[in-house]
């Protein structure tokens, strides 16, 4: 997992809205990402999956966690495809924006010759 994190440009942290244990594990996974990325700006998207089932995790609890982390939150259902494509699009746009900013910073670098 560390290798995947090291080479990743963005991350989707998924939990099941009907499984409290999957929600509790998120902090550990996010902390590992931050540790390995060592301060590098990489977006994280929090995803609550299985929104077609009875929930054990309140929407507000998940949203509060995403706000605390400074990331977006979206709910999906893999079984019926609800918001699955959108989750990947959100993350891809965030990665693209960071890459574009990195390119602009490199172009703005100027050299001085004395």
PDB file of N, CA and C in Angstrom:
ATOM      1  N   UNK A   1       0.820  -1.189   0.000  1.00  0.00           N
ATOM      2  CA  UNK A   1       0.000   0.000   0.000  1.00  0.00           C
ATOM      3  C   UNK A   1       0.867   1.258   0.000  1.00  0.00           C
ATOM      4  N   UNK A   2       1.985   1.225   0.694  1.00  0.00           N
ATOM      5  CA  UNK A   2       2.851   2.403   0.742  1.00  0.00           C
ATOM      6  C   UNK A   2       3.346   2.797  -0.648  1.00  0.00           C
ATOM      7  N   UNK A   3       3.649   1.820  -1.480  1.00  0.00           N
ATOM      8  CA  UNK A   3       4.108   2.102  -2.842  1.00  0.00           C
ATOM      9  C   UNK A   3       3.006   2.779  -3.632  1.00  0.00           C
ATOM     10  N   UNK A   4       1.787   2.306  -3.499  1.00  0.00           N
ATOM     11  CA  UNK A   4       0.658   2.925  -4.204  1.00  0.00           C
ATOM     12  C   UNK A   4       0.488   4.366  -3.758  1.00  0.00           C
ATOM     13  N   UNK A   5       0.594   4.592  -2.466  1.00  0.00           N
ATOM     14  CA  UNK A   5       0.460   5.948  -1.950  1.00  0.00           C
ATOM     15  C   UNK A   5       1.576   6.832  -2.484  1.00  0.00           C
ATOM     16  N   UNK A   6       2.787   6.322  -2.477  1.00  0.00           N
ATOM     17  CA  UNK A   6       3.942   7.093  -2.924  1.00  0.00           C
ATOM     18  C   UNK A   6       3.777   7.590  -4.355  1.00  0.00           C
ATOM     19  N   UNK A   7       3.222   6.769  -5.225  1.00  0.00           N
ATOM     20  CA  UNK A   7       3.081   7.137  -6.627  1.00  0.00           C
ATOM     21  C   UNK A   7       1.729   7.761  -6.958  1.00  0.00           C
ATOM     22  N   UNK A   8       0.806   7.792  -6.013  1.00  0.00           N
ATOM     23  CA  UNK A   8      -0.525   8.336  -6.261  1.00  0.00           C
ATOM     24  C   UNK A   8      -0.537   9.851  -6.288  1.00  0.00           C
ATOM     25  N   UNK A   9      -1.375  10.417  -7.135  1.00  0.00           N
ATOM     26  CA  UNK A   9      -1.547  11.866  -7.206  1.00  0.00           C
ATOM     27  C   UNK A   9      -2.807  12.329  -6.495  1.00  0.00           C
ATOM     28  N   UNK A  10      -3.687  11.393  -6.167  1.00  0.00           N
ATOM     29  CA  UNK A  10      -4.935  11.692  -5.480  1.00  0.00           C
ATOM     30  C   UNK A  10      -5.510  10.403  -4.938  1.00  0.00           C
ATOM     31  N   UNK A  11      -6.407  10.544  -3.964  1.00  0.00           N
ATOM     32  CA  UNK A  11      -6.900   9.359  -3.282  1.00  0.00           C
ATOM     33  C   UNK A  11      -8.390   9.450  -3.002  1.00  0.00           C
ATOM     34  N   UNK A  12      -9.059   8.325  -3.161  1.00  0.00           N
ATOM     35  CA  UNK A  12     -10.456   8.195  -2.797  1.00  0.00           C
ATOM     36  C   UNK A  12     -10.504   7.258  -1.602  1.00  0.00           C
ATOM     37  N   UNK A  13     -10.951   7.793  -0.474  1.00  0.00           N
ATOM     38  CA  UNK A  13     -11.122   6.973   0.715  1.00  0.00           C
ATOM     39  C   UNK A  13     -12.588   6.598   0.816  1.00  0.00           C
ATOM     40  N   UNK A  14     -12.864   5.305   0.720  1.00  0.00           N
ATOM     41  CA  UNK A  14     -14.228   4.797   0.650  1.00  0.00           C
ATOM     42  C   UNK A  14     -14.582   4.057   1.933  1.00  0.00           C
ATOM     43  N   UNK A  15     -15.766   4.319   2.419  1.00  0.00           N
ATOM     44  CA  UNK A  15     -16.320   3.547   3.520  1.00  0.00           C
ATOM     45  C   UNK A  15     -17.755   3.165   3.170  1.00  0.00           C
ATOM     46  N   UNK A  16     -18.269   2.166   3.848  1.00  0.00           N
ATOM     47  CA  UNK A  16     -19.655   1.740   3.650  1.00  0.00           C
ATOM     48  C   UNK A  16     -20.528   2.457   4.664  1.00  0.00           C
ATOM     49  N   UNK A  17     -21.566   3.108   4.201  1.00  0.00           N
ATOM     50  CA  UNK A  17     -22.409   3.861   5.127  1.00  0.00           C
ATOM     51  C   UNK A  17     -23.190   2.933   6.059  1.00  0.00           C
ATOM     52  N   UNK A  18     -23.144   1.649   5.794  1.00  0.00           N
ATOM     53  CA  UNK A  18     -23.812   0.687   6.676  1.00  0.00           C
ATOM     54  C   UNK A  18     -22.813  -0.107   7.533  1.00  0.00           C
ATOM     55  N   UNK A  19     -21.566   0.376   7.617  1.00  0.00           N
ATOM     56  CA  UNK A  19     -20.520  -0.335   8.353  1.00  0.00           C
ATOM     57  C   UNK A  19     -19.696   0.658   9.172  1.00  0.00           C
ATOM     58  N   UNK A  20     -19.932   0.696  10.464  1.00  0.00           N
ATOM     59  CA  UNK A  20     -19.232   1.648  11.328  1.00  0.00           C
ATOM     60  C   UNK A  20     -17.727   1.415  11.355  1.00  0.00           C
ATOM     61  N   UNK A  21     -17.309   0.166  11.287  1.00  0.00           N
ATOM     62  CA  UNK A  21     -15.880  -0.152  11.337  1.00  0.00           C
ATOM     63  C   UNK A  21     -15.139   0.443  10.138  1.00  0.00           C
ATOM     64  N   UNK A  22     -15.754   0.399   8.961  1.00  0.00           N
ATOM     65  CA  UNK A  22     -15.099   0.965   7.773  1.00  0.00           C
ATOM     66  C   UNK A  22     -14.941   2.477   7.911  1.00  0.00           C
ATOM     67  N   UNK A  23     -15.856   3.127   8.612  1.00  0.00           N
ATOM     68  CA  UNK A  23     -15.770   4.567   8.844  1.00  0.00           C
ATOM     69  C   UNK A  23     -14.671   4.892   9.847  1.00  0.00           C
ATOM     70  N   UNK A  24     -14.545   4.054  10.873  1.00  0.00           N
ATOM     71  CA  UNK A  24     -13.541   4.274  11.914  1.00  0.00           C
ATOM     72  C   UNK A  24     -12.114   4.119  11.388  1.00  0.00           C
ATOM     73  N   UNK A  25     -11.922   3.331  10.358  1.00  0.00           N
ATOM     74  CA  UNK A  25     -10.584   3.071   9.801  1.00  0.00           C
ATOM     75  C   UNK A  25     -10.054   4.222   8.944  1.00  0.00           C
ATOM     76  N   UNK A  26     -10.895   5.171   8.600  1.00  0.00           N
ATOM     77  CA  UNK A  26     -10.504   6.214   7.654  1.00  0.00           C
ATOM     78  C   UNK A  26      -9.373   7.099   8.145  1.00  0.00           C
ATOM     79  N   UNK A  27      -9.409   7.484   9.410  1.00  0.00           N
ATOM     80  CA  UNK A  27      -8.357   8.363   9.941  1.00  0.00           C
ATOM     81  C   UNK A  27      -6.980   7.750   9.792  1.00  0.00           C
ATOM     82  N   UNK A  28      -6.881   6.469  10.101  1.00  0.00           N
ATOM     83  CA  UNK A  28      -5.597   5.773   9.986  1.00  0.00           C
ATOM     84  C   UNK A  28      -5.090   5.786   8.551  1.00  0.00           C
ATOM     85  N   UNK A  29      -5.987   5.545   7.598  1.00  0.00           N
ATOM     86  CA  UNK A  29      -5.589   5.533   6.187  1.00  0.00           C
ATOM     87  C   UNK A  29      -5.193   6.924   5.715  1.00  0.00           C
ATOM     88  N   UNK A  30      -5.950   7.922   6.113  1.00  0.00           N
ATOM     89  CA  UNK A  30      -5.611   9.299   5.723  1.00  0.00           C
ATOM     90  C   UNK A  30      -4.273   9.724   6.325  1.00  0.00           C
ATOM     91  N   UNK A  31      -4.074   9.398   7.576  1.00  0.00           N
ATOM     92  CA  UNK A  31      -2.810   9.745   8.229  1.00  0.00           C
ATOM     93  C   UNK A  31      -1.621   9.086   7.533  1.00  0.00           C
ATOM     94  N   UNK A  32      -1.800   7.865   7.068  1.00  0.00           N
ATOM     95  CA  UNK A  32      -0.722   7.172   6.357  1.00  0.00           C
ATOM     96  C   UNK A  32      -0.418   7.879   5.033  1.00  0.00           C
ATOM     97  N   UNK A  33      -1.458   8.300   4.342  1.00  0.00           N
ATOM     98  CA  UNK A  33      -1.273   9.032   3.080  1.00  0.00           C
ATOM     99  C   UNK A  33      -0.482  10.310   3.341  1.00  0.00           C
ATOM    100  N   UNK A  34      -0.884  11.061   4.339  1.00  0.00           N
ATOM    101  CA  UNK A  34      -0.222  12.322   4.652  1.00  0.00           C
ATOM    102  C   UNK A  34       1.233  12.086   5.049  1.00  0.00           C
ATOM    103  N   UNK A  35       1.466  11.038   5.818  1.00  0.00           N
ATOM    104  CA  UNK A  35       2.829  10.714   6.243  1.00  0.00           C
ATOM    105  C   UNK A  35       3.722  10.382   5.049  1.00  0.00           C
ATOM    106  N   UNK A  36       3.232   9.562   4.155  1.00  0.00           N
ATOM    107  CA  UNK A  36       4.031   9.142   3.003  1.00  0.00           C
ATOM    108  C   UNK A  36       4.210  10.283   2.009  1.00  0.00           C
ATOM    109  N   UNK A  37       3.175  11.082   1.797  1.00  0.00           N
ATOM    110  CA  UNK A  37       3.261  12.196   0.845  1.00  0.00           C
ATOM    111  C   UNK A  37       4.060  13.360   1.426  1.00  0.00           C
ATOM    112  N   UNK A  38       4.295  13.364   2.722  1.00  0.00           N
ATOM    113  CA  UNK A  38       5.192  14.310   3.376  1.00  0.00           C
ATOM    114  C   UNK A  38       4.879  15.770   3.020  1.00  0.00           C
ATOM    115  N   UNK A  39       3.610  16.139   3.163  1.00  0.00           N
ATOM    116  CA  UNK A  39       3.225  17.522   2.927  1.00  0.00           C
ATOM    117  C   UNK A  39       2.926  17.877   1.486  1.00  0.00           C
ATOM    118  N   UNK A  40       3.151  16.965   0.551  1.00  0.00           N
ATOM    119  CA  UNK A  40       2.856  17.248  -0.849  1.00  0.00           C
ATOM    120  C   UNK A  40       1.350  17.401  -1.024  1.00  0.00           C
ATOM    121  N   UNK A  41       0.962  18.380  -1.800  1.00  0.00           N
ATOM    122  CA  UNK A  41      -0.456  18.637  -2.032  1.00  0.00           C
ATOM    123  C   UNK A  41      -1.058  17.533  -2.905  1.00  0.00           C
ATOM    124  N   UNK A  42      -1.867  16.695  -2.311  1.00  0.00           N
ATOM    125  CA  UNK A  42      -2.565  15.671  -3.089  1.00  0.00           C
ATOM    126  C   UNK A  42      -3.996  15.580  -2.571  1.00  0.00           C
ATOM    127  N   UNK A  43      -4.952  15.670  -3.474  1.00  0.00           N
ATOM    128  CA  UNK A  43      -6.345  15.688  -3.052  1.00  0.00           C
ATOM    129  C   UNK A  43      -6.824  14.328  -2.542  1.00  0.00           C
ATOM    130  N   UNK A  44      -7.737  14.412  -1.601  1.00  0.00           N
ATOM    131  CA  UNK A  44      -8.415  13.240  -1.066  1.00  0.00           C
ATOM    132  C   UNK A  44      -9.907  13.487  -1.196  1.00  0.00           C
ATOM    133  N   UNK A  45     -10.619  12.489  -1.659  1.00  0.00           N
ATOM    134  CA  UNK A  45     -12.077  12.536  -1.757  1.00  0.00           C
ATOM    135  C   UNK A  45     -12.632  11.481  -0.818  1.00  0.00           C
ATOM    136  N   UNK A  46     -13.541  11.877   0.051  1.00  0.00           N
ATOM    137  CA  UNK A  46     -14.193  10.944   0.958  1.00  0.00           C
ATOM    138  C   UNK A  46     -15.480  10.455   0.308  1.00  0.00           C
ATOM    139  N   UNK A  47     -15.639   9.135   0.228  1.00  0.00           N
ATOM    140  CA  UNK A  47     -16.790   8.548  -0.445  1.00  0.00           C
ATOM    141  C   UNK A  47     -17.511   7.591   0.495  1.00  0.00           C
ATOM    142  N   UNK A  48     -18.793   7.847   0.690  1.00  0.00           N
ATOM    143  CA  UNK A  48     -19.659   6.929   1.430  1.00  0.00           C
ATOM    144  C   UNK A  48     -20.395   6.063   0.429  1.00  0.00           C
ATOM    145  N   UNK A  49     -20.048   4.800   0.383  1.00  0.00           N
ATOM    146  CA  UNK A  49     -20.649   3.877  -0.580  1.00  0.00           C
ATOM    147  C   UNK A  49     -21.836   3.141   0.053  1.00  0.00           C
ATOM    148  N   UNK A  50     -22.625   2.539  -0.801  1.00  0.00           N
ATOM    149  CA  UNK A  50     -23.807   1.739  -0.434  1.00  0.00           C
ATOM    150  C   UNK A  50     -24.953   2.618   0.063  1.00  0.00           C
ATOM    151  N   UNK A  51     -25.145   3.768  -0.569  1.00  0.00           N
ATOM    152  CA  UNK A  51     -26.225   4.637  -0.125  1.00  0.00           C
ATOM    153  C   UNK A  51     -27.598   4.093  -0.486  1.00  0.00           C
ATOM    154  N   UNK A  52     -27.625   2.939  -1.121  1.00  0.00           N
ATOM    155  CA  UNK A  52     -28.882   2.267  -1.415  1.00  0.00           C
ATOM    156  C   UNK A  52     -29.339   1.379  -0.247  1.00  0.00           C
ATOM    157  N   UNK A  53     -28.498   1.255   0.793  1.00  0.00           N
ATOM    158  CA  UNK A  53     -28.816   0.421   1.949  1.00  0.00           C
ATOM    159  C   UNK A  53     -29.114   1.292   3.172  1.00  0.00           C
ATOM    160  N   UNK A  54     -29.635   0.645   4.208  1.00  0.00           N
ATOM    161  CA  UNK A  54     -29.872   1.357   5.465  1.00  0.00           C
ATOM    162  C   UNK A  54     -28.544   1.816   6.040  1.00  0.00           C
ATOM    163  N   UNK A  55     -28.529   3.043   6.485  1.00  0.00           N
ATOM    164  CA  UNK A  55     -27.269   3.621   6.938  1.00  0.00           C
ATOM    165  C   UNK A  55     -27.082   3.482   8.440  1.00  0.00           C
ATOM    166  N   UNK A  56     -25.806   3.312   8.816  1.00  0.00           N
ATOM    167  CA  UNK A  56     -25.386   3.360  10.214  1.00  0.00           C
ATOM    168  C   UNK A  56     -24.538   4.611  10.463  1.00  0.00           C
ATOM    169  N   UNK A  57     -24.008   5.184   9.389  1.00  0.00           N
ATOM    170  CA  UNK A  57     -23.215   6.404   9.479  1.00  0.00           C
ATOM    171  C   UNK A  57     -24.079   7.552   8.973  1.00  0.00           C
ATOM    172  N   UNK A  58     -24.319   8.529   9.827  1.00  0.00           N
ATOM    173  CA  UNK A  58     -25.113   9.683   9.425  1.00  0.00           C
ATOM    174  C   UNK A  58     -24.377  10.494   8.367  1.00  0.00           C
ATOM    175  N   UNK A  59     -25.135  11.062   7.465  1.00  0.00           N
ATOM    176  CA  UNK A  59     -24.552  11.935   6.447  1.00  0.00           C
ATOM    177  C   UNK A  59     -23.767  13.061   7.106  1.00  0.00           C
ATOM    178  N   UNK A  60     -24.342  13.644   8.156  1.00  0.00           N
ATOM    179  CA  UNK A  60     -23.689  14.785   8.807  1.00  0.00           C
ATOM    180  C   UNK A  60     -22.351  14.387   9.436  1.00  0.00           C
ATOM    181  N   UNK A  61     -22.238  13.166   9.951  1.00  0.00           N
ATOM    182  CA  UNK A  61     -20.958  12.715  10.517  1.00  0.00           C
ATOM    183  C   UNK A  61     -19.889  12.610   9.436  1.00  0.00           C
ATOM    184  N   UNK A  62     -20.260  12.067   8.300  1.00  0.00           N
ATOM    185  CA  UNK A  62     -19.310  11.943   7.195  1.00  0.00           C
ATOM    186  C   UNK A  62     -18.954  13.319   6.639  1.00  0.00           C
ATOM    187  N   UNK A  63     -19.930  14.168   6.500  1.00  0.00           N
ATOM    188  CA  UNK A  63     -19.690  15.520   5.987  1.00  0.00           C
ATOM    189  C   UNK A  63     -18.807  16.310   6.949  1.00  0.00           C
ATOM    190  N   UNK A  64     -19.035  16.163   8.245  1.00  0.00           N
ATOM    191  CA  UNK A  64     -18.199  16.845   9.235  1.00  0.00           C
ATOM    192  C   UNK A  64     -16.755  16.367   9.152  1.00  0.00           C
ATOM    193  N   UNK A  65     -16.558  15.069   8.925  1.00  0.00           N
ATOM    194  CA  UNK A  65     -15.201  14.540   8.784  1.00  0.00           C
ATOM    195  C   UNK A  65     -14.530  15.124   7.541  1.00  0.00           C
ATOM    196  N   UNK A  66     -15.253  15.188   6.455  1.00  0.00           N
ATOM    197  CA  UNK A  66     -14.673  15.752   5.223  1.00  0.00           C
ATOM    198  C   UNK A  66     -14.342  17.231   5.416  1.00  0.00           C
ATOM    199  N   UNK A  67     -15.180  17.952   6.114  1.00  0.00           N
ATOM    200  CA  UNK A  67     -14.893  19.362   6.399  1.00  0.00           C
ATOM    201  C   UNK A  67     -13.651  19.495   7.267  1.00  0.00           C
ATOM    202  N   UNK A  68     -13.529  18.643   8.255  1.00  0.00           N
ATOM    203  CA  UNK A  68     -12.348  18.653   9.136  1.00  0.00           C
ATOM    204  C   UNK A  68     -11.080  18.404   8.328  1.00  0.00           C
ATOM    205  N   UNK A  69     -11.159  17.505   7.372  1.00  0.00           N
ATOM    206  CA  UNK A  69     -10.010  17.169   6.533  1.00  0.00           C
ATOM    207  C   UNK A  69      -9.787  18.182   5.410  1.00  0.00           C
ATOM    208  N   UNK A  70     -10.779  19.006   5.117  1.00  0.00           N
ATOM    209  CA  UNK A  70     -10.669  19.953   4.012  1.00  0.00           C
ATOM    210  C   UNK A  70     -10.820  19.293   2.655  1.00  0.00           C
ATOM    211  N   UNK A  71     -11.687  18.292   2.591  1.00  0.00           N
ATOM    212  CA  UNK A  71     -11.911  17.598   1.322  1.00  0.00           C
ATOM    213  C   UNK A  71     -13.405  17.501   1.042  1.00  0.00           C
ATOM    214  N   UNK A  72     -13.726  17.064  -0.152  1.00  0.00           N
ATOM    215  CA  UNK A  72     -15.127  16.894  -0.526  1.00  0.00           C
ATOM    216  C   UNK A  72     -15.646  15.547  -0.064  1.00  0.00           C
ATOM    217  N   UNK A  73     -16.979  15.469   0.065  1.00  0.00           N
ATOM    218  CA  UNK A  73     -17.651  14.227   0.417  1.00  0.00           C
ATOM    219  C   UNK A  73     -18.750  13.968  -0.602  1.00  0.00           C
ATOM    220  N   UNK A  74     -18.843  12.734  -1.030  1.00  0.00           N
ATOM    221  CA  UNK A  74     -19.882  12.329  -1.964  1.00  0.00           C
ATOM    222  C   UNK A  74     -20.347  10.930  -1.573  1.00  0.00           C
ATOM    223  N   UNK A  75     -21.627  10.648  -1.819  1.00  0.00           N
ATOM    224  CA  UNK A  75     -22.150   9.310  -1.562  1.00  0.00           C
ATOM    225  C   UNK A  75     -22.419   8.617  -2.882  1.00  0.00           C
ATOM    226  N   UNK A  76     -22.157   7.313  -2.881  1.00  0.00           N
ATOM    227  CA  UNK A  76     -22.288   6.511  -4.094  1.00  0.00           C
ATOM    228  C   UNK A  76     -23.025   5.213  -3.799  1.00  0.00           C
ATOM    229  N   UNK A  77     -23.381   4.536  -4.871  1.00  0.00           N
ATOM    230  CA  UNK A  77     -23.869   3.164  -4.799  1.00  0.00           C
ATOM    231  C   UNK A  77     -23.244   2.411  -5.957  1.00  0.00           C
ATOM    232  N   UNK A  78     -22.335   1.531  -5.644  1.00  0.00           N
ATOM    233  CA  UNK A  78     -21.662   0.769  -6.698  1.00  0.00           C
ATOM    234  C   UNK A  78     -22.627  -0.184  -7.389  1.00  0.00           C
ATOM    235  N   UNK A  79     -23.623  -0.657  -6.667  1.00  0.00           N
ATOM    236  CA  UNK A  79     -24.535  -1.643  -7.242  1.00  0.00           C
ATOM    237  C   UNK A  79     -25.414  -1.039  -8.342  1.00  0.00           C
ATOM    238  N   UNK A  80     -25.777   0.232  -8.193  1.00  0.00           N
ATOM    239  CA  UNK A  80     -26.597   0.845  -9.244  1.00  0.00           C
ATOM    240  C   UNK A  80     -25.873   1.969  -9.988  1.00  0.00           C
ATOM    241  N   UNK A  81     -24.599   2.174  -9.656  1.00  0.00           N
ATOM    242  CA  UNK A  81     -23.787   3.151 -10.378  1.00  0.00           C
ATOM    243  C   UNK A  81     -24.011   4.595  -9.991  1.00  0.00           C
ATOM    244  N   UNK A  82     -24.759   4.840  -8.939  1.00  0.00           N
ATOM    245  CA  UNK A  82     -25.065   6.210  -8.517  1.00  0.00           C
ATOM    246  C   UNK A  82     -23.800   6.937  -8.069  1.00  0.00           C
ATOM    247  N   UNK A  83     -23.474   8.035  -8.734  1.00  0.00           N
ATOM    248  CA  UNK A  83     -22.355   8.931  -8.412  1.00  0.00           C
ATOM    249  C   UNK A  83     -20.965   8.295  -8.521  1.00  0.00           C
ATOM    250  N   UNK A  84     -20.859   7.095  -9.043  1.00  0.00           N
ATOM    251  CA  UNK A  84     -19.537   6.458  -9.155  1.00  0.00           C
ATOM    252  C   UNK A  84     -18.652   7.213 -10.142  1.00  0.00           C
ATOM    253  N   UNK A  85     -19.177   7.474 -11.309  1.00  0.00           N
ATOM    254  CA  UNK A  85     -18.429   8.221 -12.319  1.00  0.00           C
ATOM    255  C   UNK A  85     -18.097   9.616 -11.797  1.00  0.00           C
ATOM    256  N   UNK A  86     -19.045  10.237 -11.119  1.00  0.00           N
ATOM    257  CA  UNK A  86     -18.853  11.589 -10.601  1.00  0.00           C
ATOM    258  C   UNK A  86     -17.724  11.643  -9.572  1.00  0.00           C
ATOM    259  N   UNK A  87     -17.611  10.619  -8.750  1.00  0.00           N
ATOM    260  CA  UNK A  87     -16.541  10.589  -7.747  1.00  0.00           C
ATOM    261  C   UNK A  87     -15.174  10.633  -8.423  1.00  0.00           C
ATOM    262  N   UNK A  88     -15.000   9.827  -9.456  1.00  0.00           N
ATOM    263  CA  UNK A  88     -13.721   9.818 -10.166  1.00  0.00           C
ATOM    264  C   UNK A  88     -13.488  11.123 -10.912  1.00  0.00           C
ATOM    265  N   UNK A  89     -14.548  11.712 -11.449  1.00  0.00           N
ATOM    266  CA  UNK A  89     -14.407  12.988 -12.144  1.00  0.00           C
ATOM    267  C   UNK A  89     -13.988  14.107 -11.185  1.00  0.00           C
ATOM    268  N   UNK A  90     -14.570  14.117  -9.997  1.00  0.00           N
ATOM    269  CA  UNK A  90     -14.205  15.125  -8.994  1.00  0.00           C
ATOM    270  C   UNK A  90     -12.717  15.022  -8.682  1.00  0.00           C
ATOM    271  N   UNK A  91     -12.260  13.809  -8.419  1.00  0.00           N
ATOM    272  CA  UNK A  91     -10.854  13.628  -8.076  1.00  0.00           C
ATOM    273  C   UNK A  91      -9.944  13.962  -9.252  1.00  0.00           C
ATOM    274  N   UNK A  92     -10.320  13.539 -10.446  1.00  0.00           N
ATOM    275  CA  UNK A  92      -9.498  13.814 -11.630  1.00  0.00           C
ATOM    276  C   UNK A  92      -9.363  15.321 -11.863  1.00  0.00           C
ATOM    277  N   UNK A  93     -10.438  16.063 -11.667  1.00  0.00           N
ATOM    278  CA  UNK A  93     -10.386  17.521 -11.834  1.00  0.00           C
ATOM    279  C   UNK A  93      -9.472  18.165 -10.807  1.00  0.00           C
ATOM    280  N   UNK A  94      -9.504  17.665  -9.588  1.00  0.00           N
ATOM    281  CA  UNK A  94      -8.634  18.212  -8.548  1.00  0.00           C
ATOM    282  C   UNK A  94      -7.163  17.926  -8.856  1.00  0.00           C
ATOM    283  N   UNK A  95      -6.881  16.723  -9.306  1.00  0.00           N
ATOM    284  CA  UNK A  95      -5.511  16.366  -9.680  1.00  0.00           C
ATOM    285  C   UNK A  95      -5.051  17.234 -10.845  1.00  0.00           C
ATOM    286  N   UNK A  96      -5.902  17.385 -11.849  1.00  0.00           N
ATOM    287  CA  UNK A  96      -5.567  18.199 -13.021  1.00  0.00           C
ATOM    288  C   UNK A  96      -5.249  19.639 -12.618  1.00  0.00           C
ATOM    289  N   UNK A  97      -6.058  20.198 -11.721  1.00  0.00           N
ATOM    290  CA  UNK A  97      -5.849  21.575 -11.284  1.00  0.00           C
ATOM    291  C   UNK A  97      -4.496  21.729 -10.585  1.00  0.00           C
ATOM    292  N   UNK A  98      -4.141  20.773  -9.752  1.00  0.00           N
ATOM    293  CA  UNK A  98      -2.847  20.817  -9.065  1.00  0.00           C
ATOM    294  C   UNK A  98      -1.710  20.713 -10.070  1.00  0.00           C
ATOM    295  N   UNK A  99      -1.843  19.799 -11.031  1.00  0.00           N
ATOM    296  CA  UNK A  99      -0.799  19.634 -12.054  1.00  0.00           C
ATOM    297  C   UNK A  99      -0.640  20.913 -12.873  1.00  0.00           C
ATOM    298  N   UNK A 100      -1.746  21.555 -13.219  1.00  0.00           N
ATOM    299  CA  UNK A 100      -1.682  22.801 -13.984  1.00  0.00           C
ATOM    300  C   UNK A 100      -0.992  23.895 -13.179  1.00  0.00           C
ATOM    301  N   UNK A 101      -1.293  23.973 -11.895  1.00  0.00           N
ATOM    302  CA  UNK A 101      -0.645  24.971 -11.042  1.00  0.00           C
ATOM    303  C   UNK A 101       0.854  24.704 -10.944  1.00  0.00           C
ATOM    304  N   UNK A 102       1.239  23.442 -10.868  1.00  0.00           N
ATOM    305  CA  UNK A 102       2.662  23.086 -10.814  1.00  0.00           C
ATOM    306  C   UNK A 102       3.374  23.512 -12.096  1.00  0.00           C
ATOM    307  N   UNK A 103       2.720  23.317 -13.228  1.00  0.00           N
ATOM    308  CA  UNK A 103       3.301  23.710 -14.515  1.00  0.00           C
ATOM    309  C   UNK A 103       3.454  25.230 -14.573  1.00  0.00           C
ATOM    310  N   UNK A 104       2.448  25.955 -14.118  1.00  0.00           N
ATOM    311  CA  UNK A 104       2.515  27.424 -14.128  1.00  0.00           C
ATOM    312  C   UNK A 104       3.656  27.916 -13.250  1.00  0.00           C
ATOM    313  N   UNK A 105       3.828  27.295 -12.087  1.00  0.00           N
ATOM    314  CA  UNK A 105       4.911  27.703 -11.189  1.00  0.00           C
ATOM    315  C   UNK A 105       6.273  27.494 -11.836  1.00  0.00           C
ATOM    316  N   UNK A 106       6.424  26.418 -12.570  1.00  0.00           N
ATOM    317  CA  UNK A 106       7.700  26.144 -13.231  1.00  0.00           C
ATOM    318  C   UNK A 106       7.962  27.151 -14.342  1.00  0.00           C
ATOM    319  N   UNK A 107       6.929  27.565 -15.065  1.00  0.00           N
ATOM    320  CA  UNK A 107       7.087  28.530 -16.138  1.00  0.00           C
ATOM    321  C   UNK A 107       7.381  29.921 -15.592  1.00  0.00           C
ATOM    322  N   UNK A 108       6.865  30.224 -14.414  1.00  0.00           N
ATOM    323  CA  UNK A 108       7.074  31.542 -13.837  1.00  0.00           C
ATOM    324  C   UNK A 108       8.452  31.692 -13.230  1.00  0.00           C
ATOM    325  N   UNK A 109       9.152  30.619 -13.073  1.00  0.00           N
ATOM    326  CA  UNK A 109      10.491  30.678 -12.498  1.00  0.00           C
ATOM    327  C   UNK A 109      11.399  31.449 -13.459  1.00  0.00           C
ATOM    328  N   UNK A 110      12.075  32.375 -12.918  1.00  0.00           N
ATOM    329  CA  UNK A 110      12.971  33.148 -13.785  1.00  0.00           C
ATOM    330  C   UNK A 110      14.389  33.037 -13.273  1.00  0.00           C
ATOM    331  N   UNK A 111      15.302  33.252 -14.156  1.00  0.00           N
ATOM    332  CA  UNK A 111      16.720  33.160 -13.810  1.00  0.00           C
ATOM    333  C   UNK A 111      17.338  34.552 -13.940  1.00  0.00           C
ATOM    334  N   UNK A 112      18.295  34.776 -13.111  1.00  0.00           N
ATOM    335  CA  UNK A 112      19.039  36.020 -13.174  1.00  0.00           C
ATOM    336  C   UNK A 112      20.478  35.702 -13.514  1.00  0.00           C
ATOM    337  N   UNK A 113      21.022  36.481 -14.434  1.00  0.00           N
ATOM    338  CA  UNK A 113      22.415  36.300 -14.811  1.00  0.00           C
ATOM    339  C   UNK A 113      23.164  37.556 -14.393  1.00  0.00           C
ATOM    340  N   UNK A 114      24.244  37.384 -13.674  1.00  0.00           N
ATOM    341  CA  UNK A 114      25.034  38.524 -13.192  1.00  0.00           C
ATOM    342  C   UNK A 114      26.358  38.553 -13.865  1.00  0.00           C
TER     343      UNK A 114
END
